C-alpha atoms as a PDB file:
ATOM      1  CA  MET A   1       0.055  -0.034   0.008  1.00  0.00           C
ATOM      2  CA  ASN A   2       2.277   2.721   1.239  1.00  0.00           C
ATOM      3  CA  THR A   3       5.395   0.630   1.644  1.00  0.00           C
ATOM      4  CA  TYR A   4       7.780  -0.791  -0.919  1.00  0.00           C
ATOM      5  CA  GLY A   5      10.690  -3.176  -0.730  1.00  0.00           C
ATOM      6  CA  THR A   6      11.880  -6.241   0.939  1.00  0.00           C
ATOM      7  CA  LEU A   7      15.426  -5.534   2.242  1.00  0.00           C
ATOM      8  CA  PHE A   8      15.621  -1.937   1.315  1.00  0.00           C
ATOM      9  CA  LYS A   9      12.159  -0.808   2.449  1.00  0.00           C
ATOM     10  CA  ILE A  10      10.513   2.611   2.240  1.00  0.00           C
ATOM     11  CA  THR A  11       7.281   3.935   3.775  1.00  0.00           C
ATOM     12  CA  LEU A  12       5.987   7.109   2.100  1.00  0.00           C
ATOM     13  CA  TYR A  13       3.615   9.474   4.178  1.00  0.00           C
ATOM     14  CA  GLY A  14       1.960  12.925   3.734  1.00  0.00           C
ATOM     15  CA  GLU A  15      -0.316  14.768   1.412  1.00  0.00           C
ATOM     16  CA  SER A  16       0.286  17.775  -0.886  1.00  0.00           C
ATOM     17  CA  HIS A  17      -1.099  20.548   1.475  1.00  0.00           C
ATOM     18  CA  GLN A  18      -0.596  19.039   4.869  1.00  0.00           C
ATOM     19  CA  LYS A  19       2.243  20.171   7.233  1.00  0.00           C
ATOM     20  CA  ALA A  20       4.858  17.883   5.817  1.00  0.00           C
ATOM     21  CA  ILE A  21       5.541  14.862   3.599  1.00  0.00           C
ATOM     22  CA  GLY A  22       8.262  12.374   4.379  1.00  0.00           C
ATOM     23  CA  VAL A  23       9.696   8.813   4.171  1.00  0.00           C
ATOM     24  CA  VAL A  24      10.911   6.175   6.568  1.00  0.00           C
ATOM     25  CA  ILE A  25      13.757   4.122   5.031  1.00  0.00           C
ATOM     26  CA  ASP A  26      14.463   0.784   6.658  1.00  0.00           C
ATOM     27  CA  GLY A  27      17.118  -1.760   5.807  1.00  0.00           C
ATOM     28  CA  ILE A  28      20.156   0.589   5.194  1.00  0.00           C
ATOM     29  CA  PRO A  29      23.322  -1.194   6.321  1.00  0.00           C
ATOM     30  CA  ALA A  30      25.140   0.447   9.121  1.00  0.00           C
ATOM     31  CA  GLY A  31      28.293   2.577   8.138  1.00  0.00           C
ATOM     32  CA  ILE A  32      26.931   4.036   4.855  1.00  0.00           C
ATOM     33  CA  LYS A  33      28.144   7.552   4.474  1.00  0.00           C
ATOM     34  CA  ILE A  34      25.028   9.830   4.003  1.00  0.00           C
ATOM     35  CA  ASP A  35      25.757  12.622   1.773  1.00  0.00           C
ATOM     36  CA  LEU A  36      23.394  15.414   2.572  1.00  0.00           C
ATOM     37  CA  ASN A  37      24.563  17.615  -0.305  1.00  0.00           C
ATOM     38  CA  GLN A  38      23.688  14.754  -2.812  1.00  0.00           C
ATOM     39  CA  ILE A  39      20.201  14.726  -1.332  1.00  0.00           C
ATOM     40  CA  ALA A  40      19.880  18.523  -1.721  1.00  0.00           C
ATOM     41  CA  GLU A  41      21.235  18.430  -5.206  1.00  0.00           C
ATOM     42  CA  ASP A  42      18.771  15.878  -6.300  1.00  0.00           C
ATOM     43  CA  LEU A  43      15.824  17.679  -4.741  1.00  0.00           C
ATOM     44  CA  LYS A  44      16.972  20.770  -6.615  1.00  0.00           C
ATOM     45  CA  LYS A  45      16.802  18.909  -9.917  1.00  0.00           C
ATOM     46  CA  ARG A  46      13.099  18.209  -9.250  1.00  0.00           C
ATOM     47  CA  GLN A  47      12.297  21.806  -8.398  1.00  0.00           C
ATOM     48  CA  PRO A  48      10.358  24.027 -10.955  1.00  0.00           C
ATOM     49  CA  GLY A  49      11.832  27.131 -12.575  1.00  0.00           C
ATOM     50  CA  ALA A  50      12.182  26.307 -16.259  1.00  0.00           C
ATOM     51  CA  ILE A  51       9.654  27.260 -18.827  1.00  0.00           C
ATOM     52  CA  GLY A  52       6.583  25.023 -18.702  1.00  0.00           C
ATOM     53  CA  THR A  53       6.834  24.261 -14.862  1.00  0.00           C
ATOM     54  CA  THR A  54       4.559  25.297 -12.025  1.00  0.00           C
ATOM     55  CA  PRO A  55       5.011  28.500 -10.309  1.00  0.00           C
ATOM     56  CA  ARG A  56       4.584  26.708  -6.977  1.00  0.00           C
ATOM     57  CA  LYS A  57       8.097  26.394  -5.562  1.00  0.00           C
ATOM     58  CA  GLU A  58       8.807  24.778  -2.350  1.00  0.00           C
ATOM     59  CA  ALA A  59      12.177  25.067  -0.578  1.00  0.00           C
ATOM     60  CA  ASP A  60      12.430  21.323  -0.099  1.00  0.00           C
ATOM     61  CA  LEU A  61      14.464  21.847   3.002  1.00  0.00           C
ATOM     62  CA  PHE A  62      14.622  18.227   4.518  1.00  0.00           C
ATOM     63  CA  GLU A  63      15.371  17.022   8.094  1.00  0.00           C
ATOM     64  CA  ILE A  64      16.708  13.586   9.011  1.00  0.00           C
ATOM     65  CA  THR A  65      15.518  12.825  12.505  1.00  0.00           C
ATOM     66  CA  SER A  66      16.693   9.426  13.044  1.00  0.00           C
ATOM     67  CA  GLY A  67      18.959   6.620  11.668  1.00  0.00           C
ATOM     68  CA  MET A  68      22.066   8.822  11.118  1.00  0.00           C
ATOM     69  CA  PHE A  69      24.946   9.550  13.453  1.00  0.00           C
ATOM     70  CA  GLN A  70      28.130  11.409  12.736  1.00  0.00           C
ATOM     71  CA  GLY A  71      27.362  11.392   9.006  1.00  0.00           C
ATOM     72  CA  HIS A  72      26.847   7.718   8.679  1.00  0.00           C
ATOM     73  CA  SER A  73      23.785   5.342   8.796  1.00  0.00           C
ATOM     74  CA  THR A  74      23.328   3.667  12.158  1.00  0.00           C
ATOM     75  CA  GLY A  75      21.541   0.628  10.797  1.00  0.00           C
ATOM     76  CA  SER A  76      18.181   1.778  12.270  1.00  0.00           C
ATOM     77  CA  PRO A  77      15.404   3.331  10.189  1.00  0.00           C
ATOM     78  CA  ILE A  78      16.049   6.716   8.712  1.00  0.00           C
ATOM     79  CA  HIS A  79      13.168   9.210   8.951  1.00  0.00           C
ATOM     80  CA  LEU A  80      13.351  12.023   6.463  1.00  0.00           C
ATOM     81  CA  MET A  81      10.806  14.885   6.500  1.00  0.00           C
ATOM     82  CA  ILE A  82      10.108  17.814   4.058  1.00  0.00           C
ATOM     83  CA  GLU A  83       7.829  20.606   5.218  1.00  0.00           C
ATOM     84  CA  ASN A  84       5.103  22.017   2.799  1.00  0.00           C
ATOM     85  CA  THR A  85       5.428  25.827   3.170  1.00  0.00           C
ATOM     86  CA  ASN A  86       3.905  27.267  -0.166  1.00  0.00           C
ATOM     87  CA  VAL A  87       0.277  26.086  -0.268  1.00  0.00           C
ATOM     88  CA  GLN A  88      -2.864  27.746  -1.600  1.00  0.00           C
ATOM     89  CA  SER A  89      -5.604  25.407  -0.571  1.00  0.00           C
ATOM     90  CA  LYS A  90      -8.338  27.744  -1.645  1.00  0.00           C
ATOM     91  CA  ASP A  91      -7.524  26.933  -5.376  1.00  0.00           C
ATOM     92  CA  TYR A  92      -8.998  23.472  -4.813  1.00  0.00           C
ATOM     93  CA  GLU A  93     -12.330  24.138  -2.982  1.00  0.00           C
ATOM     94  CA  HIS A  94     -14.370  24.153  -6.239  1.00  0.00           C
ATOM     95  CA  LEU A  95     -12.995  20.736  -7.311  1.00  0.00           C
ATOM     96  CA  ARG A  96     -14.732  18.677  -4.438  1.00  0.00           C
ATOM     97  CA  LYS A  97     -17.956  18.254  -6.515  1.00  0.00           C
ATOM     98  CA  HIS A  98     -16.619  19.153  -9.933  1.00  0.00           C
ATOM     99  CA  PRO A  99     -13.763  16.716 -10.644  1.00  0.00           C
ATOM    100  CA  ARG A 100     -10.992  17.491 -13.009  1.00  0.00           C
ATOM    101  CA  PRO A 101     -10.979  15.201 -16.173  1.00  0.00           C
ATOM    102  CA  GLY A 102      -7.947  12.946 -16.017  1.00  0.00           C
ATOM    103  CA  HIS A 103      -7.259  13.465 -12.376  1.00  0.00           C
ATOM    104  CA  ALA A 104      -7.856  11.302  -9.178  1.00  0.00           C
ATOM    105  CA  ASP A 105     -10.580  13.715  -7.919  1.00  0.00           C
ATOM    106  CA  PHE A 106     -13.546  11.614  -8.786  1.00  0.00           C
ATOM    107  CA  VAL A 107     -12.146   8.143  -7.886  1.00  0.00           C
ATOM    108  CA  SER A 108     -10.696   9.346  -4.610  1.00  0.00           C
ATOM    109  CA  GLU A 109     -13.918  10.886  -3.738  1.00  0.00           C
ATOM    110  CA  VAL A 110     -15.717   7.587  -4.194  1.00  0.00           C
ATOM    111  CA  LYS A 111     -13.185   5.286  -2.727  1.00  0.00           C
ATOM    112  CA  TYR A 112     -12.453   7.081   0.404  1.00  0.00           C
ATOM    113  CA  LYS A 113     -16.129   8.413   0.977  1.00  0.00           C
ATOM    114  CA  GLY A 114     -15.120  12.091   0.927  1.00  0.00           C
ATOM    115  CA  TYR A 115     -12.739  11.905   3.848  1.00  0.00           C
ATOM    116  CA  GLN A 116      -9.620  12.204   1.588  1.00  0.00           C
ATOM    117  CA  ASP A 117      -7.618  15.396   1.630  1.00  0.00           C
ATOM    118  CA  TYR A 118      -8.414  16.860  -1.678  1.00  0.00           C
ATOM    119  CA  ARG A 119      -6.330  19.881  -1.535  1.00  0.00           C
ATOM    120  CA  GLY A 120      -3.595  20.113  -4.295  1.00  0.00           C
ATOM    121  CA  GLY A 121      -4.524  16.510  -5.219  1.00  0.00           C
ATOM    122  CA  GLY A 122      -3.722  15.196  -1.724  1.00  0.00           C
ATOM    123  CA  ARG A 123      -2.242  11.791  -1.745  1.00  0.00           C
ATOM    124  CA  PHE A 124      -2.321  11.680  -5.548  1.00  0.00           C
ATOM    125  CA  SER A 125      -0.119  14.705  -5.998  1.00  0.00           C
ATOM    126  CA  GLY A 126       3.319  14.717  -7.579  1.00  0.00           C
ATOM    127  CA  ARG A 127       4.368  16.739  -4.545  1.00  0.00           C
ATOM    128  CA  LEU A 128       5.064  13.472  -2.767  1.00  0.00           C
ATOM    129  CA  THR A 129       7.736  12.550  -5.232  1.00  0.00           C
ATOM    130  CA  ALA A 130       9.884  14.959  -3.435  1.00  0.00           C
ATOM    131  CA  ALA A 131      10.253  12.515  -0.562  1.00  0.00           C
ATOM    132  CA  LEU A 132      10.895   9.693  -3.013  1.00  0.00           C
ATOM    133  CA  VAL A 133      13.703  11.772  -4.533  1.00  0.00           C
ATOM    134  CA  ALA A 134      15.293  12.062  -1.232  1.00  0.00           C
ATOM    135  CA  ALA A 135      14.980   8.315  -0.565  1.00  0.00           C
ATOM    136  CA  GLY A 136      16.442   7.536  -3.930  1.00  0.00           C
ATOM    137  CA  ALA A 137      19.296   9.737  -3.381  1.00  0.00           C
ATOM    138  CA  ILE A 138      20.103   7.592  -0.219  1.00  0.00           C
ATOM    139  CA  ALA A 139      19.573   4.336  -2.249  1.00  0.00           C
ATOM    140  CA  LYS A 140      22.213   5.482  -4.731  1.00  0.00           C
ATOM    141  CA  MET A 141      24.634   5.641  -1.898  1.00  0.00           C
ATOM    142  CA  ILE A 142      24.510   1.665  -1.399  1.00  0.00           C
ATOM    143  CA  ILE A 143      24.525   0.685  -5.073  1.00  0.00           C
ATOM    144  CA  PRO A 144      27.580   0.480  -7.350  1.00  0.00           C
ATOM    145  CA  PHE A 145      25.695   1.428 -10.480  1.00  0.00           C
ATOM    146  CA  LYS A 146      25.590   4.769 -12.335  1.00  0.00           C
ATOM    147  CA  ILE A 147      22.074   5.967 -13.313  1.00  0.00           C
ATOM    148  CA  GLU A 148      21.308   8.746 -15.933  1.00  0.00           C
ATOM    149  CA  HIS A 149      18.071  10.142 -17.385  1.00  0.00           C
ATOM    150  CA  GLN A 150      17.340  11.919 -20.538  1.00  0.00           C
ATOM    151  CA  LEU A 151      14.230  13.719 -21.717  1.00  0.00           C
ATOM    152  CA  THR A 152      13.857  12.311 -25.255  1.00  0.00           C
ATOM    153  CA  GLN A 153      10.509  13.813 -26.397  1.00  0.00           C
ATOM    154  CA  VAL A 154       8.053  16.381 -25.219  1.00  0.00           C
ATOM    155  CA  GLY A 155       4.553  16.235 -27.106  1.00  0.00           C
ATOM    156  CA  SER A 156       5.503  16.097 -30.858  1.00  0.00           C
ATOM    157  CA  LEU A 157       8.945  17.759 -30.254  1.00  0.00           C
ATOM    158  CA  THR A 158      12.111  15.557 -30.509  1.00  0.00           C
ATOM    159  CA  ASP A 159      14.623  18.404 -30.715  1.00  0.00           C
ATOM    160  CA  MET A 160      15.025  19.368 -26.980  1.00  0.00           C
ATOM    161  CA  SER A 161      17.019  22.532 -27.909  1.00  0.00           C
ATOM    162  CA  LYS A 162      13.652  24.085 -28.872  1.00  0.00           C
ATOM    163  CA  ILE A 163      11.684  22.971 -25.766  1.00  0.00           C
ATOM    164  CA  ASP A 164      11.168  26.489 -24.231  1.00  0.00           C
ATOM    165  CA  ASP A 165       9.633  27.947 -27.356  1.00  0.00           C
ATOM    166  CA  TYR A 166       7.523  24.829 -27.895  1.00  0.00           C
ATOM    167  CA  LEU A 167       6.219  24.904 -24.179  1.00  0.00           C
ATOM    168  CA  LEU A 168       5.523  28.665 -24.400  1.00  0.00           C
ATOM    169  CA  GLU A 169       3.210  28.085 -27.252  1.00  0.00           C
ATOM    170  CA  ILE A 170       1.440  25.103 -25.487  1.00  0.00           C
ATOM    171  CA  ALA A 171       1.097  27.460 -22.434  1.00  0.00           C
ATOM    172  CA  LYS A 172      -0.575  30.165 -24.558  1.00  0.00           C
ATOM    173  CA  GLN A 173      -3.129  27.614 -25.637  1.00  0.00           C
ATOM    174  CA  GLY A 174      -3.945  26.888 -22.132  1.00  0.00           C
ATOM    175  CA  ASP A 175      -2.985  23.187 -22.633  1.00  0.00           C
ATOM    176  CA  SER A 176      -0.345  20.661 -21.499  1.00  0.00           C
ATOM    177  CA  VAL A 177       1.807  18.002 -23.140  1.00  0.00           C
ATOM    178  CA  GLY A 178       3.447  14.751 -21.977  1.00  0.00           C
ATOM    179  CA  GLY A 179       6.792  13.313 -22.870  1.00  0.00           C
ATOM    180  CA  THR A 180       9.244  10.285 -22.833  1.00  0.00           C
ATOM    181  CA  ILE A 181      12.183   9.871 -20.496  1.00  0.00           C
ATOM    182  CA  LEU A 182      14.965   7.367 -21.047  1.00  0.00           C
ATOM    183  CA  LEU A 183      16.749   6.026 -17.903  1.00  0.00           C
ATOM    184  CA  THR A 184      20.135   4.249 -18.400  1.00  0.00           C
ATOM    185  CA  VAL A 185      21.889   2.149 -15.771  1.00  0.00           C
ATOM    186  CA  LYS A 186      25.648   1.691 -16.296  1.00  0.00           C
ATOM    187  CA  ASP A 187      28.117  -0.734 -14.613  1.00  0.00           C
ATOM    188  CA  MET A 188      25.403  -3.418 -14.042  1.00  0.00           C
ATOM    189  CA  VAL A 189      26.324  -6.825 -12.789  1.00  0.00           C
ATOM    190  CA  VAL A 190      24.856 -10.241 -13.931  1.00  0.00           C
ATOM    191  CA  GLY A 191      22.279 -11.874 -11.576  1.00  0.00           C
ATOM    192  CA  ILE A 192      20.083  -9.056 -10.135  1.00  0.00           C
ATOM    193  CA  GLY A 193      16.260 -10.133 -10.123  1.00  0.00           C
ATOM    194  CA  GLU A 194      14.282 -12.807  -8.294  1.00  0.00           C
ATOM    195  CA  PRO A 195      12.085 -14.664 -10.598  1.00  0.00           C
ATOM    196  CA  PHE A 196       9.135 -15.490 -10.664  1.00  0.00           C
ATOM    197  CA  PHE A 197       7.253 -12.626  -9.128  1.00  0.00           C
ATOM    198  CA  SER A 198      10.116 -10.381  -8.320  1.00  0.00           C
ATOM    199  CA  LYS A 199      11.750 -10.193 -11.739  1.00  0.00           C
ATOM    200  CA  LEU A 200      13.824  -7.017 -12.199  1.00  0.00           C
ATOM    201  CA  ASP A 201      11.748  -5.659 -15.089  1.00  0.00           C
ATOM    202  CA  ALA A 202       8.561  -6.507 -13.139  1.00  0.00           C
ATOM    203  CA  GLU A 203       9.791  -4.631 -10.061  1.00  0.00           C
ATOM    204  CA  ILE A 204      10.856  -1.609 -12.235  1.00  0.00           C
ATOM    205  CA  ALA A 205       7.470  -1.439 -14.000  1.00  0.00           C
ATOM    206  CA  LYS A 206       5.644  -1.629 -10.579  1.00  0.00           C
ATOM    207  CA  MET A 207       7.637   1.414  -9.244  1.00  0.00           C
ATOM    208  CA  MET A 208       7.287   3.358 -12.393  1.00  0.00           C
ATOM    209  CA  PHE A 209       3.538   2.937 -12.678  1.00  0.00           C
ATOM    210  CA  SER A 210       3.285   4.003  -8.897  1.00  0.00           C
ATOM    211  CA  MET A 211       4.504   7.348  -9.837  1.00  0.00           C
ATOM    212  CA  PRO A 212       1.893  10.020 -10.733  1.00  0.00           C
ATOM    213  CA  ALA A 213       1.289  10.607 -14.582  1.00  0.00           C
ATOM    214  CA  VAL A 214       3.194   7.511 -15.707  1.00  0.00           C
ATOM    215  CA  LYS A 215       1.230   5.595 -18.353  1.00  0.00           C
ATOM    216  CA  ALA A 216       3.715   3.456 -20.244  1.00  0.00           C
ATOM    217  CA  VAL A 217       7.022   1.641 -19.481  1.00  0.00           C
ATOM    218  CA  SER A 218       9.255  -0.310 -21.739  1.00  0.00           C
ATOM    219  CA  ILE A 219      12.506  -2.127 -21.439  1.00  0.00           C
ATOM    220  CA  GLY A 220      15.138  -1.869 -24.123  1.00  0.00           C
ATOM    221  CA  THR A 221      13.606  -1.764 -27.546  1.00  0.00           C
ATOM    222  CA  GLY A 222      10.128  -2.240 -26.011  1.00  0.00           C
ATOM    223  CA  PHE A 223       7.101  -1.763 -28.408  1.00  0.00           C
ATOM    224  CA  GLU A 224       9.400  -0.989 -31.294  1.00  0.00           C
ATOM    225  CA  GLY A 225      10.387  -4.732 -31.313  1.00  0.00           C
ATOM    226  CA  LYS A 226       6.984  -5.868 -32.462  1.00  0.00           C
ATOM    227  CA  THR A 227       7.953  -5.832 -36.198  1.00  0.00           C
ATOM    228  CA  MET A 228      11.344  -7.327 -35.620  1.00  0.00           C
ATOM    229  CA  LEU A 229      12.304 -11.009 -36.384  1.00  0.00           C
ATOM    230  CA  GLY A 230      13.850 -13.043 -33.637  1.00  0.00           C
ATOM    231  CA  SER A 231      17.168 -13.243 -35.517  1.00  0.00           C
ATOM    232  CA  ALA A 232      17.284  -9.382 -35.406  1.00  0.00           C
ATOM    233  CA  PHE A 233      15.802  -9.008 -31.844  1.00  0.00           C
ATOM    234  CA  ASN A 234      18.092 -11.583 -30.074  1.00  0.00           C
ATOM    235  CA  ASP A 235      21.091 -10.126 -28.473  1.00  0.00           C
ATOM    236  CA  GLU A 236      24.096 -12.115 -29.535  1.00  0.00           C
ATOM    237  CA  ILE A 237      26.503 -12.695 -26.660  1.00  0.00           C
ATOM    238  CA  ILE A 238      30.094 -11.718 -27.616  1.00  0.00           C
ATOM    239  CA  ASN A 239      32.222 -12.325 -24.666  1.00  0.00           C
ATOM    240  CA  ASP A 240      32.400 -14.403 -21.336  1.00  0.00           C
ATOM    241  CA  LYS A 241      31.026 -11.350 -19.356  1.00  0.00           C
ATOM    242  CA  GLY A 242      27.797 -11.558 -21.192  1.00  0.00           C
ATOM    243  CA  LEU A 243      28.266  -8.414 -23.281  1.00  0.00           C
ATOM    244  CA  THR A 244      25.964  -8.446 -26.230  1.00  0.00           C
ATOM    245  CA  LYS A 245      26.299  -7.104 -29.827  1.00  0.00           C
ATOM    246  CA  THR A 246      22.948  -5.377 -29.379  1.00  0.00           C
ATOM    247  CA  ASN A 247      20.742  -4.480 -26.347  1.00  0.00           C
ATOM    248  CA  HIS A 248      17.229  -4.875 -27.481  1.00  0.00           C
ATOM    249  CA  SER A 249      16.355  -6.641 -24.159  1.00  0.00           C
ATOM    250  CA  GLY A 250      17.446  -3.605 -22.301  1.00  0.00           C
ATOM    251  CA  GLY A 251      19.881  -5.365 -20.072  1.00  0.00           C
ATOM    252  CA  ILE A 252      17.299  -7.910 -18.622  1.00  0.00           C
ATOM    253  CA  THR A 253      17.061 -11.506 -19.683  1.00  0.00           C
ATOM    254  CA  GLY A 254      14.367 -13.807 -17.938  1.00  0.00           C
ATOM    255  CA  GLY A 255      13.854 -11.208 -15.414  1.00  0.00           C
ATOM    256  CA  ILE A 256      17.587 -11.115 -14.441  1.00  0.00           C
ATOM    257  CA  SER A 257      20.026  -8.336 -15.219  1.00  0.00           C
ATOM    258  CA  ASN A 258      22.524  -9.611 -17.806  1.00  0.00           C
ATOM    259  CA  GLY A 259      25.416  -7.218 -17.240  1.00  0.00           C
ATOM    260  CA  ASN A 260      24.589  -4.805 -20.055  1.00  0.00           C
ATOM    261  CA  ASP A 261      23.288  -1.446 -19.687  1.00  0.00           C
ATOM    262  CA  LEU A 262      19.711  -1.246 -18.198  1.00  0.00           C
ATOM    263  CA  LEU A 263      17.490   0.690 -20.500  1.00  0.00           C
ATOM    264  CA  VAL A 264      14.058   1.841 -19.372  1.00  0.00           C
ATOM    265  CA  THR A 265      11.739   4.243 -21.293  1.00  0.00           C
ATOM    266  CA  VAL A 266       8.932   5.963 -19.444  1.00  0.00           C
ATOM    267  CA  MET A 267       6.051   7.919 -20.890  1.00  0.00           C
ATOM    268  CA  ILE A 268       4.566  10.703 -18.713  1.00  0.00           C
ATOM    269  CA  LYS A 269       1.040  11.827 -19.871  1.00  0.00           C
ATOM    270  CA  PRO A 270       0.059  15.459 -20.364  1.00  0.00           C
ATOM    271  CA  THR A 271      -0.692  17.267 -17.147  1.00  0.00           C
ATOM    272  CA  SER A 272      -4.331  16.801 -16.123  1.00  0.00           C
ATOM    273  CA  SER A 273      -4.796  20.222 -14.597  1.00  0.00           C
ATOM    274  CA  ILE A 274      -4.867  22.786 -17.502  1.00  0.00           C
ATOM    275  CA  GLN A 275      -5.987  26.445 -17.965  1.00  0.00           C
ATOM    276  CA  LYS A 276      -8.288  25.661 -20.913  1.00  0.00           C
ATOM    277  CA  ALA A 277     -11.957  25.051 -19.784  1.00  0.00           C
ATOM    278  CA  GLN A 278     -13.217  21.502 -20.116  1.00  0.00           C
ATOM    279  CA  ASP A 279     -16.704  20.015 -19.757  1.00  0.00           C
ATOM    280  CA  THR A 280     -17.009  17.522 -16.826  1.00  0.00           C
ATOM    281  CA  PHE A 281     -19.824  16.265 -14.642  1.00  0.00           C
ATOM    282  CA  ASP A 282     -20.853  18.540 -11.738  1.00  0.00           C
ATOM    283  CA  PHE A 283     -22.099  16.408  -8.689  1.00  0.00           C
ATOM    284  CA  GLU A 284     -23.879  19.290  -7.099  1.00  0.00           C
ATOM    285  CA  THR A 285     -26.101  20.178  -9.990  1.00  0.00           C
ATOM    286  CA  TYR A 286     -25.984  16.677 -11.654  1.00  0.00           C
ATOM    287  CA  GLN A 287     -25.114  18.283 -14.942  1.00  0.00           C
ATOM    288  CA  THR A 288     -22.184  18.405 -17.240  1.00  0.00           C
ATOM    289  CA  LYS A 289     -20.652  21.877 -16.886  1.00  0.00           C
ATOM    290  CA  SER A 290     -17.684  23.894 -18.069  1.00  0.00           C
ATOM    291  CA  LEU A 291     -14.734  23.652 -15.477  1.00  0.00           C
ATOM    292  CA  GLU A 292     -11.983  26.257 -15.208  1.00  0.00           C
ATOM    293  CA  ILE A 293      -9.419  24.779 -12.854  1.00  0.00           C
ATOM    294  CA  GLY A 294      -7.141  27.641 -12.107  1.00  0.00           C
ATOM    295  CA  GLY A 295      -4.338  27.010  -9.599  1.00  0.00           C
ATOM    296  CA  ARG A 296      -0.543  26.569 -10.357  1.00  0.00           C
ATOM    297  CA  HIS A 297       0.350  23.612 -12.595  1.00  0.00           C
ATOM    298  CA  ASP A 298       3.086  22.343 -14.863  1.00  0.00           C
ATOM    299  CA  VAL A 299       2.534  22.574 -18.646  1.00  0.00           C
ATOM    300  CA  CYS A 300       4.723  19.608 -18.960  1.00  0.00           C
ATOM    301  CA  ILE A 301       5.440  17.380 -15.911  1.00  0.00           C
ATOM    302  CA  ALA A 302       7.859  15.400 -17.978  1.00  0.00           C
ATOM    303  CA  ARG A 303      10.367  18.270 -17.848  1.00  0.00           C
ATOM    304  CA  ARG A 304      11.188  17.775 -14.278  1.00  0.00           C
ATOM    305  CA  ALA A 305      10.141  14.205 -13.793  1.00  0.00           C
ATOM    306  CA  GLY A 306      13.548  12.645 -14.804  1.00  0.00           C
ATOM    307  CA  ILE A 307      15.212  12.919 -11.444  1.00  0.00           C
ATOM    308  CA  VAL A 308      12.102  11.324  -9.823  1.00  0.00           C
ATOM    309  CA  LEU A 309      12.126   8.239 -12.173  1.00  0.00           C
ATOM    310  CA  GLU A 310      15.878   8.069 -11.880  1.00  0.00           C
ATOM    311  CA  ASN A 311      15.731   7.998  -8.047  1.00  0.00           C
ATOM    312  CA  VAL A 312      12.820   5.498  -7.714  1.00  0.00           C
ATOM    313  CA  LEU A 313      14.692   3.250 -10.118  1.00  0.00           C
ATOM    314  CA  ALA A 314      17.655   3.517  -7.529  1.00  0.00           C
ATOM    315  CA  ILE A 315      15.239   2.504  -4.867  1.00  0.00           C
ATOM    316  CA  VAL A 316      14.330  -0.658  -6.817  1.00  0.00           C
ATOM    317  CA  LEU A 317      17.934  -1.426  -7.520  1.00  0.00           C
ATOM    318  CA  ALA A 318      18.993  -1.021  -3.953  1.00  0.00           C
ATOM    319  CA  ASP A 319      16.395  -3.584  -2.820  1.00  0.00           C
ATOM    320  CA  GLN A 320      17.327  -5.973  -5.519  1.00  0.00           C
ATOM    321  CA  TYR A 321      21.022  -5.342  -5.004  1.00  0.00           C
ATOM    322  CA  LEU A 322      20.714  -6.253  -1.311  1.00  0.00           C
ATOM    323  CA  MET A 323      18.853  -9.551  -2.178  1.00  0.00           C
ATOM    324  CA  TYR A 324      21.577 -10.282  -4.854  1.00  0.00           C
ATOM    325  CA  LYS A 325      24.313  -9.826  -2.069  1.00  0.00           C
ATOM    326  CA  ALA A 326      22.326 -11.924   0.388  1.00  0.00           C
ATOM    327  CA  TYR A 327      22.192 -14.806  -2.073  1.00  0.00           C
ATOM    328  CA  GLN A 328      25.916 -14.555  -2.983  1.00  0.00           C
END
């Protein structure tokens, strides 16, 4: 539900407009150097500021209240908290009975019988990913792999040098766009992944789909491989380390890492909250009415989602790596 992992375990808490969000991280071996600057740098990468991102900017100052002493992990759970200091809850009052298309307003109202915190999207807000970025920064400190992310497409745009002008035009239309992000993990080892139900690719997909706005995940060549013949898709092994001539499998065979670069492509949908008016059902009048959402929202969430996906991938790899080490 709100906890992920077996040996490296995280529990996420908080809502968008409550006092704080945070995460409890259990299973960190004692003696790991906790680089506070690295956590702060990763949180900064997630913050808005670029064209097409939300005007809501939180300081994202974090506090570690347990599990660390003299700069190292103690072996007990780490509790990390981030305060919410820039909220405008009044922007969401009109959405209680007039839910946004594409958002969780309606389903959360039904599922939680109106007791959910609806402000700012509550539990369904991308705001919670700040705590996951912090947890992922710590996960990076215990794995020997290098993770990178690259924004490869935004809407119909593939030339990222033109992204500012493109998003300004979308913003003028009062609309939003999605995008795709490529995650690459280098220096992988052979043997990470626990078939049958904890395969590496299955765990990655589970984590990615847990992130707000993620609608598609592919490993390696992914959907593009549907027209290829087996003779072309198969990755020929060319040395005793498992290096392959191609990498259509994206570094995973049979749910287990094969030592080649891990390649994960994630599609982020267009932001649900847009400035353009849309027709949607009003549960007070029981009529379909025009809705103007207002508030402060990203034109393109994908523009700052890369560090989120990178760091939650690190959480998956940390958990899988500890299991791999335990079996060795």
